[in-house]
Every structure is written in C-alpha cells, then in structure tokens.
Amino acid sequence: MRYAFGQTVSPQDQLSKVAQESRERAKTMPAGKEREELQRKASQADTAARIDEWVNSPGLRRPT
C-alpha cells in the first residue's frame, strides 16, 4: 500500500490496521455470526502480522 509522496506501509502495519478496524466494527454489532467472523478476521490478521514479523526477523536463518 502506498501513501502520498511514495511512503509505503509495511505488511505488518496493514494487518494491524485490518485487525483494529475489524475489532472496532465487531464492538458495535450484536452477538451473532457476522460479529464472530469479524473477531476471527481480527485474530487471523494479528497472527499473520506476528508470522510476518518472525519470518523477517534478523535472527531467522536459512536452513543449511
């Protein structure tokens, strides 16, 4: 994702934003399937952000 003037947003930031927006939207909904799906989407986005952070960490090394 790009902002004006060539600034880029990291995948972790994108996923964190999706998680936050999904949680906020779920808070405004009554209990039910759609709310559960939004909560699940937020959880999956958090997990994906953590995996992306781990995969791109400097301590991770390629198998030899």
Protein backbone atom coordinates (compact mmCIF):
# COMPACT_ATOMS: atom_id res chain seq x y z
CA MET A 1 0.00 0.00 0.00
CA ARG A 2 1.31 3.46 -0.82
CA TYR A 3 0.59 6.84 0.65
CA ALA A 4 1.22 10.17 -0.99
CA PHE A 5 4.83 11.03 -1.76
CA GLY A 6 5.94 7.41 -2.09
CA GLN A 7 5.60 6.42 1.56
CA THR A 8 4.88 2.73 1.93
CA VAL A 9 3.04 0.84 4.63
CA SER A 10 4.54 -2.41 5.86
CA PRO A 11 2.51 -5.62 5.68
CA GLN A 12 2.56 -5.71 9.48
CA ASP A 13 1.02 -2.23 9.64
CA GLN A 14 -1.62 -3.18 7.09
CA LEU A 15 -2.53 -6.32 9.02
CA SER A 16 -2.62 -4.42 12.32
CA LYS A 17 -4.96 -1.89 10.77
CA VAL A 18 -7.26 -4.64 9.48
CA ALA A 19 -7.29 -6.23 12.95
CA GLN A 20 -8.05 -2.95 14.68
CA GLU A 21 -10.81 -1.97 12.26
CA SER A 22 -12.39 -5.42 12.48
CA ARG A 23 -12.39 -5.31 16.29
CA GLU A 24 -13.88 -1.82 16.36
CA ARG A 25 -16.62 -2.84 13.94
CA ALA A 26 -17.34 -6.02 15.90
CA LYS A 27 -17.82 -4.00 19.10
CA THR A 28 -20.75 -2.15 17.55
CA MET A 29 -22.56 -5.30 16.44
CA PRO A 30 -24.91 -7.55 18.34
CA ALA A 31 -23.78 -11.08 19.10
CA GLY A 32 -24.06 -13.30 16.06
CA LYS A 33 -22.35 -14.83 13.09
CA GLU A 34 -21.16 -11.58 11.48
CA ARG A 35 -19.61 -10.36 14.76
CA GLU A 36 -17.83 -13.71 15.22
CA GLU A 37 -16.49 -13.52 11.67
CA LEU A 38 -15.09 -10.04 12.30
CA GLN A 39 -13.46 -11.22 15.52
CA ARG A 40 -11.97 -14.20 13.68
CA LYS A 41 -10.68 -11.89 10.93
CA ALA A 42 -9.01 -9.69 13.56
CA SER A 43 -7.39 -12.70 15.18
CA GLN A 44 -6.14 -14.03 11.85
CA ALA A 45 -4.70 -10.62 10.91
CA ASP A 46 -2.85 -10.46 14.26
CA THR A 47 -1.45 -13.95 13.71
CA ALA A 48 -0.37 -13.12 10.16
CA ALA A 49 1.38 -9.95 11.39
CA ARG A 50 3.28 -11.94 14.04
CA ILE A 51 4.30 -14.57 11.48
CA ASP A 52 5.45 -11.88 9.05
CA GLU A 53 7.48 -10.25 11.83
CA TRP A 54 9.06 -13.60 12.73
CA VAL A 55 9.85 -14.52 9.12
CA ASN A 56 11.50 -11.16 8.51
CA SER A 57 13.40 -11.05 11.81
CA PRO A 58 17.17 -10.74 11.55
CA GLY A 59 17.70 -13.77 13.79
CA LEU A 60 15.98 -16.16 11.42
CA ARG A 61 18.44 -18.10 9.28
CA ARG A 62 18.03 -20.21 6.21
CA PRO A 63 18.49 -23.96 6.74
CA THR A 64 21.91 -25.19 5.66
